[in-house]
């Protein structure tokens, strides 16, 4: 987990390709529109509000967050999946401190290991701007809203409340991944 444009998607993909620590994916769901370069079932399962409501009514949602964006409410959520086998597999997913807390409540704190990515706010803002410029239809207002919302979602208070103590600074991608792999090897 980490603030937007901290490099978590890149780190996520690199961790999945590591042979030292075999990881499977739990792909989260979202109601936000798919971005250029994203693929259904890779970064997210993309659905709409009706799909979210159906899963919620069935009791299949482990955790969810709702964001009142410049384009309406977007939801991000994790669905309970019978294929998740925590006894024989280790999994990797992207989330927030709130999602981490809810996953701990669902699976048990001893089953969920947080990996928090940090990066200088100015670097993140420039990365976000560069990413948005590359979109067919840039949504700069939403980019700014998301950047500011991260200050609350990843506040020191929320990190302490969630019990997240270890963070990984992503100023060097290779070093950051090496540190994360060493951390995971020592914990799994």
C-alpha atoms as a PDB file:
ATOM      1  CA  UNK A   1       0.000   0.000   0.000  1.00  0.00           C
ATOM      2  CA  UNK A   2       1.021   3.589  -0.481  1.00  0.00           C
ATOM      3  CA  UNK A   3      -0.170   6.966  -1.632  1.00  0.00           C
ATOM      4  CA  UNK A   4      -1.028   7.419  -5.303  1.00  0.00           C
ATOM      5  CA  UNK A   5       1.994   7.510  -7.614  1.00  0.00           C
ATOM      6  CA  UNK A   6       4.319   6.101  -4.948  1.00  0.00           C
ATOM      7  CA  UNK A   7       5.244   3.255  -7.314  1.00  0.00           C
ATOM      8  CA  UNK A   8       3.106   0.552  -5.707  1.00  0.00           C
ATOM      9  CA  UNK A   9       1.767  -0.796  -9.039  1.00  0.00           C
ATOM     10  CA  UNK A  10       5.297  -1.155 -10.425  1.00  0.00           C
ATOM     11  CA  UNK A  11       6.543  -2.742  -7.188  1.00  0.00           C
ATOM     12  CA  UNK A  12       3.495  -5.030  -7.144  1.00  0.00           C
ATOM     13  CA  UNK A  13       4.288  -6.333 -10.640  1.00  0.00           C
ATOM     14  CA  UNK A  14       7.987  -6.791  -9.843  1.00  0.00           C
ATOM     15  CA  UNK A  15       7.189  -8.670  -6.608  1.00  0.00           C
ATOM     16  CA  UNK A  16       4.903 -11.037  -8.502  1.00  0.00           C
ATOM     17  CA  UNK A  17       7.764 -11.879 -10.867  1.00  0.00           C
ATOM     18  CA  UNK A  18      10.197 -12.672  -8.007  1.00  0.00           C
ATOM     19  CA  UNK A  19      11.086 -16.346  -7.657  1.00  0.00           C
ATOM     20  CA  UNK A  20      12.468 -15.991  -4.102  1.00  0.00           C
ATOM     21  CA  UNK A  21       9.061 -15.295  -2.588  1.00  0.00           C
ATOM     22  CA  UNK A  22       6.294 -16.937  -4.644  1.00  0.00           C
ATOM     23  CA  UNK A  23       3.145 -14.822  -4.492  1.00  0.00           C
ATOM     24  CA  UNK A  24      -0.317 -15.173  -5.988  1.00  0.00           C
ATOM     25  CA  UNK A  25      -2.699 -12.277  -6.554  1.00  0.00           C
ATOM     26  CA  UNK A  26      -5.917 -11.189  -4.966  1.00  0.00           C
ATOM     27  CA  UNK A  27      -7.215  -8.769  -7.566  1.00  0.00           C
ATOM     28  CA  UNK A  28      -9.392  -6.054  -6.012  1.00  0.00           C
ATOM     29  CA  UNK A  29     -12.497  -4.605  -7.623  1.00  0.00           C
ATOM     30  CA  UNK A  30     -13.352  -1.018  -8.518  1.00  0.00           C
ATOM     31  CA  UNK A  31     -16.235   0.929  -9.986  1.00  0.00           C
ATOM     32  CA  UNK A  32     -13.913   3.589 -11.440  1.00  0.00           C
ATOM     33  CA  UNK A  33     -13.302   3.663 -15.200  1.00  0.00           C
ATOM     34  CA  UNK A  34     -10.407   1.665 -16.558  1.00  0.00           C
ATOM     35  CA  UNK A  35      -7.283   3.726 -17.341  1.00  0.00           C
ATOM     36  CA  UNK A  36      -5.214   3.507 -20.498  1.00  0.00           C
ATOM     37  CA  UNK A  37      -2.818   0.569 -20.163  1.00  0.00           C
ATOM     38  CA  UNK A  38      -4.866  -1.267 -17.509  1.00  0.00           C
ATOM     39  CA  UNK A  39      -6.372  -4.681 -18.149  1.00  0.00           C
ATOM     40  CA  UNK A  40      -9.474  -6.279 -16.653  1.00  0.00           C
ATOM     41  CA  UNK A  41      -8.448  -8.804 -14.018  1.00  0.00           C
ATOM     42  CA  UNK A  42      -4.863  -7.561 -13.766  1.00  0.00           C
ATOM     43  CA  UNK A  43      -4.854  -4.291 -11.808  1.00  0.00           C
ATOM     44  CA  UNK A  44      -8.553  -4.560 -10.891  1.00  0.00           C
ATOM     45  CA  UNK A  45     -11.789  -6.232 -11.764  1.00  0.00           C
ATOM     46  CA  UNK A  46     -13.820  -3.366 -13.201  1.00  0.00           C
ATOM     47  CA  UNK A  47     -17.517  -3.262 -12.418  1.00  0.00           C
ATOM     48  CA  UNK A  48     -20.258  -0.697 -11.921  1.00  0.00           C
ATOM     49  CA  UNK A  49     -22.373   0.385  -8.952  1.00  0.00           C
ATOM     50  CA  UNK A  50     -24.975  -2.300  -9.672  1.00  0.00           C
ATOM     51  CA  UNK A  51     -22.254  -4.977  -9.614  1.00  0.00           C
ATOM     52  CA  UNK A  52     -20.960  -3.617  -6.308  1.00  0.00           C
ATOM     53  CA  UNK A  53     -24.458  -3.643  -4.803  1.00  0.00           C
ATOM     54  CA  UNK A  54     -25.069  -7.251  -5.940  1.00  0.00           C
ATOM     55  CA  UNK A  55     -21.841  -8.453  -4.294  1.00  0.00           C
ATOM     56  CA  UNK A  56     -22.601  -6.456  -1.140  1.00  0.00           C
ATOM     57  CA  UNK A  57     -26.117  -7.929  -0.897  1.00  0.00           C
ATOM     58  CA  UNK A  58     -24.679 -11.454  -1.224  1.00  0.00           C
ATOM     59  CA  UNK A  59     -22.239 -10.761   1.632  1.00  0.00           C
ATOM     60  CA  UNK A  60     -19.223 -11.352  -0.620  1.00  0.00           C
ATOM     61  CA  UNK A  61     -17.388  -8.088   0.119  1.00  0.00           C
ATOM     62  CA  UNK A  62     -14.573  -8.277   2.702  1.00  0.00           C
ATOM     63  CA  UNK A  63     -13.829  -4.541   2.737  1.00  0.00           C
ATOM     64  CA  UNK A  64     -14.590  -1.466   0.676  1.00  0.00           C
ATOM     65  CA  UNK A  65     -13.779   2.202   0.401  1.00  0.00           C
ATOM     66  CA  UNK A  66     -15.891   4.834  -1.313  1.00  0.00           C
ATOM     67  CA  UNK A  67     -14.479   8.047  -2.720  1.00  0.00           C
ATOM     68  CA  UNK A  68     -16.637  10.986  -3.742  1.00  0.00           C
ATOM     69  CA  UNK A  69     -14.638  11.927  -6.821  1.00  0.00           C
ATOM     70  CA  UNK A  70     -15.056  14.721  -9.317  1.00  0.00           C
ATOM     71  CA  UNK A  71     -16.790  12.126 -11.528  1.00  0.00           C
ATOM     72  CA  UNK A  72     -19.126  10.587  -8.961  1.00  0.00           C
ATOM     73  CA  UNK A  73     -18.640   7.917  -6.314  1.00  0.00           C
ATOM     74  CA  UNK A  74     -15.902   5.386  -7.075  1.00  0.00           C
ATOM     75  CA  UNK A  75     -15.586   2.273  -4.933  1.00  0.00           C
ATOM     76  CA  UNK A  76     -12.615   0.013  -4.361  1.00  0.00           C
ATOM     77  CA  UNK A  77     -13.254  -3.322  -2.680  1.00  0.00           C
ATOM     78  CA  UNK A  78     -12.063  -6.839  -1.971  1.00  0.00           C
ATOM     79  CA  UNK A  79     -14.345  -9.789  -2.623  1.00  0.00           C
ATOM     80  CA  UNK A  80     -14.193 -13.000  -0.563  1.00  0.00           C
ATOM     81  CA  UNK A  81     -12.961 -15.625  -2.973  1.00  0.00           C
ATOM     82  CA  UNK A  82     -13.168 -19.348  -2.249  1.00  0.00           C
ATOM     83  CA  UNK A  83      -9.955 -19.870  -4.225  1.00  0.00           C
ATOM     84  CA  UNK A  84      -7.900 -17.977  -1.591  1.00  0.00           C
ATOM     85  CA  UNK A  85      -5.972 -20.655   0.330  1.00  0.00           C
ATOM     86  CA  UNK A  86      -3.831 -19.030   3.014  1.00  0.00           C
ATOM     87  CA  UNK A  87      -2.495 -22.404   4.174  1.00  0.00           C
ATOM     88  CA  UNK A  88      -0.634 -23.271   0.972  1.00  0.00           C
ATOM     89  CA  UNK A  89      -0.224 -19.899  -0.801  1.00  0.00           C
ATOM     90  CA  UNK A  90       0.936 -16.364  -0.108  1.00  0.00           C
ATOM     91  CA  UNK A  91      -0.931 -13.521  -1.783  1.00  0.00           C
ATOM     92  CA  UNK A  92      -0.228  -9.947  -2.790  1.00  0.00           C
ATOM     93  CA  UNK A  93      -2.753  -7.166  -3.272  1.00  0.00           C
ATOM     94  CA  UNK A  94      -2.900  -3.379  -3.292  1.00  0.00           C
ATOM     95  CA  UNK A  95      -4.912  -1.539  -0.643  1.00  0.00           C
ATOM     96  CA  UNK A  96      -4.992   1.192   2.003  1.00  0.00           C
ATOM     97  CA  UNK A  97      -4.389   1.170   5.772  1.00  0.00           C
ATOM     98  CA  UNK A  98      -8.162   0.905   6.219  1.00  0.00           C
ATOM     99  CA  UNK A  99      -8.301  -2.067   3.842  1.00  0.00           C
ATOM    100  CA  UNK A 100      -5.397  -3.665   5.721  1.00  0.00           C
ATOM    101  CA  UNK A 101      -7.290  -3.356   9.020  1.00  0.00           C
ATOM    102  CA  UNK A 102     -10.432  -4.902   7.530  1.00  0.00           C
ATOM    103  CA  UNK A 103      -8.457  -7.734   5.920  1.00  0.00           C
ATOM    104  CA  UNK A 104      -6.866  -8.428   9.324  1.00  0.00           C
ATOM    105  CA  UNK A 105     -10.360  -8.586  10.802  1.00  0.00           C
ATOM    106  CA  UNK A 106     -11.541 -11.005   8.107  1.00  0.00           C
ATOM    107  CA  UNK A 107      -8.500 -13.298   7.722  1.00  0.00           C
ATOM    108  CA  UNK A 108      -6.789 -12.697  11.096  1.00  0.00           C
ATOM    109  CA  UNK A 109      -3.926 -10.284  11.804  1.00  0.00           C
ATOM    110  CA  UNK A 110      -1.396 -13.124  11.836  1.00  0.00           C
ATOM    111  CA  UNK A 111      -2.332 -13.874   8.191  1.00  0.00           C
ATOM    112  CA  UNK A 112      -1.885 -10.359   6.767  1.00  0.00           C
ATOM    113  CA  UNK A 113       1.484  -8.622   6.403  1.00  0.00           C
ATOM    114  CA  UNK A 114       1.552  -4.909   5.489  1.00  0.00           C
ATOM    115  CA  UNK A 115       4.034  -3.523   2.972  1.00  0.00           C
ATOM    116  CA  UNK A 116       3.856   0.292   3.032  1.00  0.00           C
ATOM    117  CA  UNK A 117       5.544   2.208   0.192  1.00  0.00           C
ATOM    118  CA  UNK A 118       6.614   5.813   0.754  1.00  0.00           C
ATOM    119  CA  UNK A 119       7.981   8.481  -1.558  1.00  0.00           C
ATOM    120  CA  UNK A 120       8.553  12.230  -1.461  1.00  0.00           C
ATOM    121  CA  UNK A 121       5.274  14.096  -2.066  1.00  0.00           C
ATOM    122  CA  UNK A 122       6.797  16.292  -4.793  1.00  0.00           C
ATOM    123  CA  UNK A 123       8.047  13.261  -6.717  1.00  0.00           C
ATOM    124  CA  UNK A 124       4.626  11.623  -6.362  1.00  0.00           C
ATOM    125  CA  UNK A 125       2.860  14.730  -7.640  1.00  0.00           C
ATOM    126  CA  UNK A 126       5.111  14.909 -10.711  1.00  0.00           C
ATOM    127  CA  UNK A 127       4.580  11.188 -11.416  1.00  0.00           C
ATOM    128  CA  UNK A 128       0.811  11.638 -11.084  1.00  0.00           C
ATOM    129  CA  UNK A 129       0.882  14.584 -13.481  1.00  0.00           C
ATOM    130  CA  UNK A 130       2.982  12.666 -16.015  1.00  0.00           C
ATOM    131  CA  UNK A 131       0.647   9.650 -15.789  1.00  0.00           C
ATOM    132  CA  UNK A 132      -2.445  11.810 -16.210  1.00  0.00           C
ATOM    133  CA  UNK A 133      -0.962  13.635 -19.217  1.00  0.00           C
ATOM    134  CA  UNK A 134      -0.535  10.238 -20.913  1.00  0.00           C
ATOM    135  CA  UNK A 135      -4.266   9.441 -20.648  1.00  0.00           C
ATOM    136  CA  UNK A 136      -6.545   9.926 -23.668  1.00  0.00           C
ATOM    137  CA  UNK A 137      -8.786  12.111 -21.506  1.00  0.00           C
ATOM    138  CA  UNK A 138      -6.756  13.496 -18.588  1.00  0.00           C
ATOM    139  CA  UNK A 139      -8.685  14.021 -15.361  1.00  0.00           C
ATOM    140  CA  UNK A 140      -6.494  16.598 -13.624  1.00  0.00           C
ATOM    141  CA  UNK A 141      -9.144  17.665 -11.137  1.00  0.00           C
ATOM    142  CA  UNK A 142      -9.541  14.063  -9.959  1.00  0.00           C
ATOM    143  CA  UNK A 143      -5.768  13.638  -9.810  1.00  0.00           C
ATOM    144  CA  UNK A 144      -5.555  16.617  -7.442  1.00  0.00           C
ATOM    145  CA  UNK A 145      -8.465  15.339  -5.322  1.00  0.00           C
ATOM    146  CA  UNK A 146      -6.808  11.925  -5.024  1.00  0.00           C
ATOM    147  CA  UNK A 147      -3.460  13.476  -4.108  1.00  0.00           C
ATOM    148  CA  UNK A 148      -5.037  15.537  -1.319  1.00  0.00           C
ATOM    149  CA  UNK A 149      -7.220  12.638  -0.101  1.00  0.00           C
ATOM    150  CA  UNK A 150      -4.082  10.514   0.335  1.00  0.00           C
ATOM    151  CA  UNK A 151      -2.913  12.914   3.036  1.00  0.00           C
ATOM    152  CA  UNK A 152      -5.885  11.786   5.154  1.00  0.00           C
ATOM    153  CA  UNK A 153      -6.051   8.141   4.055  1.00  0.00           C
ATOM    154  CA  UNK A 154      -2.355   7.632   4.852  1.00  0.00           C
ATOM    155  CA  UNK A 155      -2.059   9.964   7.834  1.00  0.00           C
ATOM    156  CA  UNK A 156       0.371   9.075  10.603  1.00  0.00           C
ATOM    157  CA  UNK A 157      -2.623   8.574  12.899  1.00  0.00           C
ATOM    158  CA  UNK A 158      -4.190   5.999  10.549  1.00  0.00           C
ATOM    159  CA  UNK A 159      -0.887   4.167  10.131  1.00  0.00           C
ATOM    160  CA  UNK A 160      -0.438   3.954  13.904  1.00  0.00           C
ATOM    161  CA  UNK A 161      -4.067   2.875  14.382  1.00  0.00           C
ATOM    162  CA  UNK A 162      -3.613   0.150  11.740  1.00  0.00           C
ATOM    163  CA  UNK A 163      -0.421  -1.083  13.408  1.00  0.00           C
ATOM    164  CA  UNK A 164       1.719  -0.419  10.326  1.00  0.00           C
ATOM    165  CA  UNK A 165       5.242   0.153  11.581  1.00  0.00           C
ATOM    166  CA  UNK A 166       7.575  -0.847   8.738  1.00  0.00           C
ATOM    167  CA  UNK A 167       7.725   1.265   5.573  1.00  0.00           C
ATOM    168  CA  UNK A 168       9.821   1.048   2.406  1.00  0.00           C
ATOM    169  CA  UNK A 169      11.077   4.227   0.732  1.00  0.00           C
ATOM    170  CA  UNK A 170      10.898   4.027  -3.079  1.00  0.00           C
ATOM    171  CA  UNK A 171      13.612   6.453  -4.179  1.00  0.00           C
ATOM    172  CA  UNK A 172      15.437   3.524  -5.818  1.00  0.00           C
ATOM    173  CA  UNK A 173      13.147   0.868  -7.266  1.00  0.00           C
ATOM    174  CA  UNK A 174      15.732  -1.937  -7.215  1.00  0.00           C
ATOM    175  CA  UNK A 175      16.808  -1.255  -3.621  1.00  0.00           C
ATOM    176  CA  UNK A 176      13.207  -0.901  -2.480  1.00  0.00           C
ATOM    177  CA  UNK A 177      12.269  -4.261  -4.007  1.00  0.00           C
ATOM    178  CA  UNK A 178      15.362  -5.930  -2.502  1.00  0.00           C
ATOM    179  CA  UNK A 179      14.371  -4.632   0.938  1.00  0.00           C
ATOM    180  CA  UNK A 180      10.779  -5.797   0.541  1.00  0.00           C
ATOM    181  CA  UNK A 181      11.826  -9.273  -0.649  1.00  0.00           C
ATOM    182  CA  UNK A 182      14.210  -9.625   2.310  1.00  0.00           C
ATOM    183  CA  UNK A 183      11.430  -8.491   4.667  1.00  0.00           C
ATOM    184  CA  UNK A 184       8.948 -10.981   3.175  1.00  0.00           C
ATOM    185  CA  UNK A 185      11.475 -13.826   3.284  1.00  0.00           C
ATOM    186  CA  UNK A 186      11.944 -13.169   6.992  1.00  0.00           C
ATOM    187  CA  UNK A 187       8.210 -13.101   7.691  1.00  0.00           C
ATOM    188  CA  UNK A 188       6.730 -15.827   5.459  1.00  0.00           C
END
